[in-house]
């Protein structure tokens, strides 16, 4: 048991170190955590301490996956149904172009230029077509854009983009079986009943039983996540939709959302982002840096050329266009998931997997850093009061529903 406590202490130390660096450099903490993860893995490998870091231990992988699931749920819960209905055309068009442009561009690059076979090239197109919901949402929280129509539009487009990735992965590589039917039917039923059951639990038990709503929501997202994994899909997809379903009621109780966000961002997501960084093999990158650069450039350039003219139809300000485009050019969760799926099913080799993961993670860092440093639309930043007071629906500041 002392080994487990020692390992998690190391990871939390890395998380605190990342937070300090992010504060002084004024860069998103999610990006710093990824970079620190890369550095930690390199140092541990140099001194032969890779196993001591524990990045591949099952319990640590579960903590990281839990961070991705809950962060994705929170991203869905931040969406304002009224704003999303108004921006339906925007998020649909931007999301679809954000998927198809890099999918075809990177698949063609991998097959025609790099020389990978058809299956590996299609997998590369899928892995590099993603937009990182986790990174984008983390940036939205830090800037406060999650409370604006601008930020909610970006989050909506991210969902459509990643939905395209999940569907493509399923149609091209994962067979559609009875498990898929069971997952879809069960998810539809659960999500249809979710607002009513959550409201009933909140009315009857909120502020009387400790954190029962949080336990209920976690039961739903983890239960649907288990069903998704059993069917061959991914756990983060139903979590995002569950968040969207509860977005209206969640908006009425910001104190509850803040508490759930504290648990997620304070403990779980640092493990997720740090572990994502440890997946990068610096030796593989140093052995063939041009291949890595080609895959990264293929993803980002195809995203920019595809998205910027489309986003210009909806956003007139120069900084807004570029910020929107660059955030949509990121990748992490679904990209690494797709690459891991390809490796575990023999579609790509371990070397190809390393390059894909490295390109995906680099796309989470570089576009986001450029967006924040050069194109931040400061005129859209929300005005925060000096001493905000946040209450739940009941006005109780001390107990959660």
Protein backbone atom coordinates (compact mmCIF):
# COMPACT_ATOMS: atom_id res chain seq x y z
CA UNK A 1 0.00 0.00 0.00
CA UNK A 2 2.87 2.38 0.73
CA UNK A 3 3.97 2.04 -2.88
CA UNK A 4 0.59 3.31 -4.10
CA UNK A 5 0.71 6.28 -1.75
CA UNK A 6 4.25 7.00 -2.86
CA UNK A 7 3.33 6.93 -6.55
CA UNK A 8 0.30 9.19 -6.17
CA UNK A 9 2.40 11.58 -4.07
CA UNK A 10 4.85 11.86 -6.95
CA UNK A 11 2.05 12.58 -9.40
CA UNK A 12 0.45 15.18 -7.15
CA UNK A 13 3.87 16.77 -6.71
CA UNK A 14 4.16 16.99 -10.49
CA UNK A 15 0.66 18.51 -10.60
CA UNK A 16 1.60 21.22 -8.08
CA UNK A 17 4.85 21.89 -9.94
CA UNK A 18 2.83 22.27 -13.16
CA UNK A 19 0.43 24.69 -11.48
CA UNK A 20 3.29 26.90 -10.30
CA UNK A 21 4.87 26.98 -13.76
CA UNK A 22 1.52 27.68 -15.43
CA UNK A 23 0.91 30.59 -13.05
CA UNK A 24 4.24 32.26 -13.78
CA UNK A 25 4.21 31.62 -17.53
CA UNK A 26 0.50 32.53 -17.89
CA UNK A 27 -0.08 29.36 -19.95
CA UNK A 28 -2.93 26.87 -19.61
CA UNK A 29 -2.18 24.41 -16.82
CA UNK A 30 -3.40 21.49 -18.96
CA UNK A 31 -0.63 22.17 -21.48
CA UNK A 32 2.01 22.50 -18.78
CA UNK A 33 0.89 19.22 -17.23
CA UNK A 34 1.33 17.48 -20.58
CA UNK A 35 4.83 18.92 -21.00
CA UNK A 36 5.79 18.03 -17.43
CA UNK A 37 4.54 14.50 -18.10
CA UNK A 38 6.81 14.26 -21.14
CA UNK A 39 9.78 15.50 -19.10
CA UNK A 40 9.02 13.20 -16.16
CA UNK A 41 8.85 10.15 -18.42
CA UNK A 42 12.14 11.11 -20.09
CA UNK A 43 13.93 11.60 -16.76
CA UNK A 44 12.50 8.38 -15.32
CA UNK A 45 13.57 6.48 -18.43
CA UNK A 46 17.09 7.94 -18.28
CA UNK A 47 17.57 6.78 -14.69
CA UNK A 48 15.78 3.47 -15.24
CA UNK A 49 12.85 4.42 -13.01
CA UNK A 50 10.02 4.07 -15.53
CA UNK A 51 8.25 1.40 -13.47
CA UNK A 52 8.56 3.54 -10.33
CA UNK A 53 6.57 6.29 -12.07
CA UNK A 54 3.68 3.83 -12.41
CA UNK A 55 2.10 5.39 -15.52
CA UNK A 56 0.86 2.05 -16.80
CA UNK A 57 -0.52 0.70 -13.54
CA UNK A 58 -4.20 -0.14 -13.83
CA UNK A 59 -5.37 2.02 -10.91
CA UNK A 60 -3.55 5.07 -12.28
CA UNK A 61 -5.02 4.48 -15.72
CA UNK A 62 -8.45 4.37 -14.08
CA UNK A 63 -7.85 7.71 -12.33
CA UNK A 64 -6.77 9.24 -15.64
CA UNK A 65 -9.79 7.81 -17.46
CA UNK A 66 -12.07 9.06 -14.68
CA UNK A 67 -10.63 12.54 -15.14
CA UNK A 68 -11.38 12.44 -18.86
CA UNK A 69 -14.94 11.18 -18.27
CA UNK A 70 -15.86 13.76 -15.60
CA UNK A 71 -14.17 16.61 -17.44
CA UNK A 72 -16.14 15.69 -20.55
CA UNK A 73 -19.36 15.56 -18.50
CA UNK A 74 -18.64 19.03 -17.12
CA UNK A 75 -18.00 20.32 -20.64
CA UNK A 76 -21.43 19.09 -21.69
CA UNK A 77 -23.05 20.55 -18.57
CA UNK A 78 -21.62 23.99 -19.41
CA UNK A 79 -23.58 24.15 -22.67
CA UNK A 80 -26.55 26.49 -22.58
CA UNK A 81 -29.47 24.81 -24.44
CA UNK A 82 -30.80 28.20 -25.57
CA UNK A 83 -27.41 29.28 -26.93
CA UNK A 84 -26.87 25.91 -28.61
CA UNK A 85 -30.22 26.10 -30.42
CA UNK A 86 -29.30 29.54 -31.72
CA UNK A 87 -25.85 28.33 -32.81
CA UNK A 88 -26.91 24.94 -34.20
CA UNK A 89 -25.90 25.78 -37.77
CA UNK A 90 -22.51 27.12 -36.65
CA UNK A 91 -21.49 24.23 -34.40
CA UNK A 92 -22.70 21.62 -36.92
CA UNK A 93 -20.88 23.08 -39.92
CA UNK A 94 -17.68 23.90 -38.00
CA UNK A 95 -17.68 20.51 -36.31
CA UNK A 96 -18.18 18.53 -39.52
CA UNK A 97 -15.54 20.47 -41.45
CA UNK A 98 -13.24 20.15 -38.44
CA UNK A 99 -13.51 16.37 -38.79
CA UNK A 100 -13.54 15.82 -42.57
CA UNK A 101 -10.71 18.22 -43.51
CA UNK A 102 -7.98 16.55 -41.39
CA UNK A 103 -9.42 13.07 -41.88
CA UNK A 104 -8.98 13.18 -45.65
CA UNK A 105 -5.87 15.36 -45.48
CA UNK A 106 -3.95 13.22 -42.97
CA UNK A 107 -5.07 9.92 -44.50
CA UNK A 108 -3.80 11.09 -47.90
CA UNK A 109 -0.55 12.35 -46.35
CA UNK A 110 0.07 9.05 -44.56
CA UNK A 111 -0.64 6.95 -47.65
CA UNK A 112 0.80 9.03 -50.50
CA UNK A 113 3.74 10.79 -48.83
CA UNK A 114 4.77 8.75 -45.79
CA UNK A 115 4.00 5.39 -47.39
CA UNK A 116 1.82 3.71 -44.78
CA UNK A 117 -0.69 1.07 -45.93
CA UNK A 118 -4.38 1.87 -46.41
CA UNK A 119 -5.56 0.64 -43.01
CA UNK A 120 -2.83 2.49 -41.10
CA UNK A 121 -3.46 5.64 -43.16
CA UNK A 122 -7.20 5.59 -42.42
CA UNK A 123 -6.45 5.11 -38.72
CA UNK A 124 -4.03 8.05 -38.87
CA UNK A 125 -6.73 10.18 -40.51
CA UNK A 126 -9.16 9.32 -37.71
CA UNK A 127 -6.64 9.85 -34.88
CA UNK A 128 -5.56 13.23 -36.26
CA UNK A 129 -9.08 14.46 -37.07
CA UNK A 130 -10.02 14.98 -33.44
CA UNK A 131 -10.43 18.11 -31.37
CA UNK A 132 -9.48 17.87 -27.70
CA UNK A 133 -12.59 18.43 -25.61
CA UNK A 134 -10.50 18.03 -22.45
CA UNK A 135 -7.93 20.69 -23.39
CA UNK A 136 -10.47 23.10 -24.86
CA UNK A 137 -12.73 22.86 -21.83
CA UNK A 138 -9.78 23.34 -19.46
CA UNK A 139 -8.84 26.49 -21.38
CA UNK A 140 -12.47 27.66 -21.35
CA UNK A 141 -12.56 27.35 -17.55
CA UNK A 142 -9.30 29.23 -17.05
CA UNK A 143 -10.29 32.11 -19.33
CA UNK A 144 -13.95 32.19 -18.32
CA UNK A 145 -15.09 31.66 -21.91
CA UNK A 146 -17.17 28.68 -20.73
CA UNK A 147 -19.72 31.23 -19.53
CA UNK A 148 -19.91 33.08 -22.87
CA UNK A 149 -21.74 32.26 -26.11
CA UNK A 150 -18.36 32.31 -27.86
CA UNK A 151 -16.94 29.57 -25.64
CA UNK A 152 -20.13 27.51 -25.67
CA UNK A 153 -20.10 27.58 -29.45
CA UNK A 154 -16.53 26.24 -29.49
CA UNK A 155 -17.46 23.45 -27.08
CA UNK A 156 -20.46 22.51 -29.23
CA UNK A 157 -18.32 22.35 -32.37
CA UNK A 158 -15.79 20.18 -30.50
CA UNK A 159 -18.54 17.70 -29.68
CA UNK A 160 -19.71 17.43 -33.31
CA UNK A 161 -16.08 17.03 -34.43
CA UNK A 162 -15.37 14.21 -31.97
CA UNK A 163 -18.71 12.57 -32.67
CA UNK A 164 -17.58 12.28 -36.30
CA UNK A 165 -14.36 10.66 -35.10
CA UNK A 166 -16.20 8.07 -32.99
CA UNK A 167 -18.61 7.23 -35.82
CA UNK A 168 -15.77 6.91 -38.37
CA UNK A 169 -13.77 4.64 -36.06
CA UNK A 170 -16.82 2.44 -35.56
CA UNK A 171 -17.85 2.30 -39.22
CA UNK A 172 -14.38 1.65 -40.62
CA UNK A 173 -12.80 -0.60 -37.99
CA UNK A 174 -15.26 -1.67 -35.28
CA UNK A 175 -17.97 -4.15 -36.33
CA UNK A 176 -21.56 -3.11 -35.59
CA UNK A 177 -22.90 -5.94 -33.43
CA UNK A 178 -25.76 -6.60 -31.03
CA UNK A 179 -23.60 -4.96 -28.35
CA UNK A 180 -23.75 -1.70 -30.27
CA UNK A 181 -27.56 -1.94 -30.41
CA UNK A 182 -27.78 -2.66 -26.67
CA UNK A 183 -25.51 0.31 -25.91
CA UNK A 184 -27.46 2.72 -28.11
CA UNK A 185 -30.89 1.65 -26.83
CA UNK A 186 -29.82 1.63 -23.17
CA UNK A 187 -28.13 5.03 -23.50
CA UNK A 188 -31.20 6.60 -25.13
CA UNK A 189 -33.47 5.28 -22.37
CA UNK A 190 -31.16 6.37 -19.54
CA UNK A 191 -30.58 9.84 -20.99
CA UNK A 192 -34.32 10.31 -21.62
CA UNK A 193 -35.09 9.56 -17.96
CA UNK A 194 -32.02 11.31 -16.56
CA UNK A 195 -33.46 14.87 -16.17
CA UNK A 196 -36.56 13.58 -14.38
CA UNK A 197 -34.76 11.18 -12.05
CA UNK A 198 -32.10 13.76 -11.23
CA UNK A 199 -34.73 16.37 -10.44
CA UNK A 200 -36.60 13.92 -8.22
CA UNK A 201 -33.44 12.97 -6.31
CA UNK A 202 -32.52 16.64 -5.94
CA UNK A 203 -35.94 17.69 -4.65
CA UNK A 204 -36.30 14.81 -2.18
CA UNK A 205 -32.73 14.35 -0.95
CA UNK A 206 -30.70 17.49 -1.82
CA UNK A 207 -29.14 19.20 1.20
CA UNK A 208 -30.30 16.29 3.38
CA UNK A 209 -27.99 13.50 2.23
CA UNK A 210 -24.32 14.23 1.64
CA UNK A 211 -23.56 14.81 -2.03
CA UNK A 212 -26.19 12.37 -3.29
CA UNK A 213 -26.55 14.21 -6.62
CA UNK A 214 -22.83 13.90 -7.28
CA UNK A 215 -22.96 10.18 -6.47
CA UNK A 216 -25.97 9.77 -8.76
CA UNK A 217 -24.35 11.56 -11.69
CA UNK A 218 -21.13 9.60 -11.28
CA UNK A 219 -23.13 6.36 -11.18
CA UNK A 220 -24.78 7.29 -14.48
CA UNK A 221 -21.63 8.40 -16.35
CA UNK A 222 -19.51 5.48 -15.13
CA UNK A 223 -22.31 3.00 -15.78
CA UNK A 224 -22.81 4.27 -19.31
CA UNK A 225 -19.04 4.35 -19.71
CA UNK A 226 -18.78 0.67 -18.81
CA UNK A 227 -21.54 -0.13 -21.29
CA UNK A 228 -19.80 1.93 -23.97
CA UNK A 229 -16.50 0.11 -23.47
CA UNK A 230 -18.30 -3.25 -23.54
CA UNK A 231 -19.86 -2.35 -26.88
CA UNK A 232 -16.56 -1.21 -28.40
CA UNK A 233 -17.23 2.53 -28.08
CA UNK A 234 -15.63 5.01 -25.65
CA UNK A 235 -16.67 6.09 -22.16
CA UNK A 236 -16.31 9.83 -22.74
CA UNK A 237 -19.03 9.99 -25.42
CA UNK A 238 -22.08 9.17 -23.22
CA UNK A 239 -20.57 11.32 -20.46
CA UNK A 240 -20.61 14.37 -22.72
CA UNK A 241 -24.20 13.73 -23.83
CA UNK A 242 -25.26 13.21 -20.19
CA UNK A 243 -23.75 16.59 -19.38
CA UNK A 244 -25.69 18.18 -22.23
CA UNK A 245 -28.94 16.59 -21.00
CA UNK A 246 -28.40 18.07 -17.52
CA UNK A 247 -27.06 21.41 -18.75
CA UNK A 248 -30.29 23.29 -18.06
CA UNK A 249 -30.65 22.17 -14.44
CA UNK A 250 -26.91 22.41 -13.77
CA UNK A 251 -26.91 26.06 -14.83
CA UNK A 252 -29.36 26.80 -12.01
CA UNK A 253 -26.99 25.50 -9.35
CA UNK A 254 -23.50 26.75 -10.12
CA UNK A 255 -22.30 25.89 -6.61
CA UNK A 256 -22.81 22.17 -7.30
CA UNK A 257 -20.95 22.45 -10.62
CA UNK A 258 -18.09 24.23 -8.88
CA UNK A 259 -17.78 21.46 -6.30
CA UNK A 260 -17.75 18.74 -8.96
CA UNK A 261 -15.22 20.76 -10.94
CA UNK A 262 -12.99 21.04 -7.86
CA UNK A 263 -12.92 17.26 -7.50
CA UNK A 264 -12.25 16.79 -11.21
CA UNK A 265 -9.71 19.53 -11.90
CA UNK A 266 -8.08 19.38 -8.48
CA UNK A 267 -7.34 15.66 -8.46
CA UNK A 268 -8.34 13.64 -11.52
CA UNK A 269 -7.49 15.69 -14.62
CA UNK A 270 -3.86 16.38 -13.57
CA UNK A 271 -3.35 12.62 -13.62
CA UNK A 272 -4.96 12.45 -17.06
CA UNK A 273 -2.89 15.23 -18.62
CA UNK A 274 0.37 14.18 -16.94
CA UNK A 275 -0.12 10.58 -18.06
CA UNK A 276 -0.87 11.75 -21.61
CA UNK A 277 2.56 13.36 -21.62
CA UNK A 278 4.26 10.16 -20.45
CA UNK A 279 2.97 8.36 -23.56
CA UNK A 280 5.35 10.33 -25.78
CA UNK A 281 8.54 8.49 -26.70
CA UNK A 282 11.30 11.06 -27.15
CA UNK A 283 13.61 8.38 -28.58
CA UNK A 284 11.16 7.65 -31.40
CA UNK A 285 10.78 11.36 -32.15
CA UNK A 286 14.53 11.96 -32.18
CA UNK A 287 15.00 8.97 -34.50
CA UNK A 288 12.64 10.38 -37.17
CA UNK A 289 11.75 14.00 -36.37
CA UNK A 290 10.61 14.77 -39.92
CA UNK A 291 7.92 12.09 -39.77
CA UNK A 292 6.60 13.52 -36.52
CA UNK A 293 6.69 17.04 -37.96
CA UNK A 294 4.85 15.90 -41.10
CA UNK A 295 2.01 14.31 -39.13
CA UNK A 296 1.70 17.32 -36.82
CA UNK A 297 1.76 19.76 -39.74
CA UNK A 298 -0.75 17.63 -41.65
CA UNK A 299 -3.23 17.79 -38.77
CA UNK A 300 -2.86 21.50 -37.95
CA UNK A 301 -2.58 22.78 -41.53
CA UNK A 302 -5.56 20.77 -42.80
CA UNK A 303 -7.61 21.99 -39.82
CA UNK A 304 -6.67 25.62 -40.43
CA UNK A 305 -7.28 25.55 -44.20
CA UNK A 306 -10.58 23.78 -43.70
CA UNK A 307 -11.88 25.72 -40.72
CA UNK A 308 -10.70 29.32 -41.02
CA UNK A 309 -12.88 30.20 -44.06
CA UNK A 310 -15.89 28.51 -42.42
CA UNK A 311 -15.39 30.19 -39.05
CA UNK A 312 -15.02 33.52 -40.85
CA UNK A 313 -18.67 33.13 -41.87
CA UNK A 314 -19.70 33.27 -38.21
CA UNK A 315 -17.02 35.40 -36.51
CA UNK A 316 -15.93 38.73 -37.99
CA UNK A 317 -13.17 39.68 -35.56
CA UNK A 318 -9.64 38.64 -36.60
CA UNK A 319 -8.61 37.34 -33.17
CA UNK A 320 -11.88 35.49 -32.68
CA UNK A 321 -11.42 33.63 -35.97
CA UNK A 322 -7.87 32.55 -35.23
CA UNK A 323 -8.53 31.67 -31.60
CA UNK A 324 -11.54 29.54 -32.60
CA UNK A 325 -9.60 27.87 -35.43
CA UNK A 326 -6.52 27.08 -33.34
CA UNK A 327 -8.50 25.62 -30.45
CA UNK A 328 -10.37 23.42 -32.93
CA UNK A 329 -6.93 22.26 -34.18
CA UNK A 330 -6.05 20.63 -30.88
CA UNK A 331 -6.24 16.94 -30.15
CA UNK A 332 -5.79 14.62 -27.19
CA UNK A 333 -8.48 12.34 -25.77
CA UNK A 334 -10.07 10.78 -28.85
CA UNK A 335 -6.81 11.03 -30.77
CA UNK A 336 -4.89 8.92 -28.26
CA UNK A 337 -7.88 6.59 -27.88
CA UNK A 338 -8.00 6.05 -31.66
CA UNK A 339 -4.25 5.47 -31.85
CA UNK A 340 -4.42 2.97 -28.96
CA UNK A 341 -7.32 1.18 -30.67
CA UNK A 342 -5.26 0.86 -33.85
CA UNK A 343 -2.22 -0.45 -31.97
CA UNK A 344 -4.15 -2.95 -29.83
CA UNK A 345 -5.93 -4.33 -32.93
CA UNK A 346 -2.79 -4.57 -35.05
CA UNK A 347 -3.80 -1.81 -37.47
CA UNK A 348 -0.66 0.25 -36.74
CA UNK A 349 2.74 -0.81 -35.43
CA UNK A 350 4.19 0.37 -32.12
CA UNK A 351 6.40 2.84 -34.00
CA UNK A 352 3.44 4.24 -35.95
CA UNK A 353 1.47 4.45 -32.71
CA UNK A 354 4.27 6.45 -31.06
CA UNK A 355 4.34 8.97 -33.89
CA UNK A 356 0.56 9.34 -33.91
CA UNK A 357 0.38 9.86 -30.14
CA UNK A 358 3.26 12.33 -30.23
CA UNK A 359 1.60 14.32 -33.02
CA UNK A 360 -1.74 14.28 -31.20
CA UNK A 361 -0.22 15.50 -27.93
CA UNK A 362 1.87 18.16 -29.67
CA UNK A 363 -1.32 19.40 -31.32
CA UNK A 364 -2.78 19.84 -27.83
CA UNK A 365 0.11 22.06 -26.81
CA UNK A 366 1.28 24.15 -29.78
CA UNK A 367 -2.00 25.49 -31.26
CA UNK A 368 -3.42 26.23 -27.81
CA UNK A 369 -0.28 28.06 -26.74
CA UNK A 370 -0.26 30.18 -29.92
CA UNK A 371 -3.97 30.91 -29.55
CA UNK A 372 -3.60 32.08 -25.96
CA UNK A 373 -0.46 34.15 -26.52
CA UNK A 374 -1.22 35.77 -29.87
CA UNK A 375 -4.96 35.67 -30.58
CA UNK A 376 -6.80 35.80 -27.25
CA UNK A 377 -10.01 37.81 -27.89
CA UNK A 378 -9.76 39.86 -24.71
CA UNK A 379 -12.85 41.89 -25.55
CA UNK A 380 -14.95 38.75 -25.02
CA UNK A 381 -13.49 37.87 -21.63
CA UNK A 382 -16.21 37.94 -18.95
CA UNK A 383 -15.99 40.60 -16.27
CA UNK A 384 -15.49 38.92 -12.90
CA UNK A 385 -16.61 40.62 -9.71
CA UNK A 386 -13.93 41.15 -7.08
CA UNK A 387 -15.68 39.03 -4.45
CA UNK A 388 -18.07 36.63 -6.14
CA UNK A 389 -20.58 34.84 -3.98
CA UNK A 390 -22.00 31.65 -5.39
CA UNK A 391 -25.05 29.99 -3.94
CA UNK A 392 -26.97 26.86 -4.73
CA UNK A 393 -30.68 26.92 -5.55
CA UNK A 394 -31.50 26.55 -1.89
CA UNK A 395 -29.09 29.33 -0.93
CA UNK A 396 -27.06 26.86 1.15
CA UNK A 397 -23.35 27.54 0.91
CA UNK A 398 -22.24 24.71 3.16
CA UNK A 399 -23.88 21.60 1.80
CA UNK A 400 -24.22 20.12 -1.65
CA UNK A 401 -27.29 18.66 -3.31
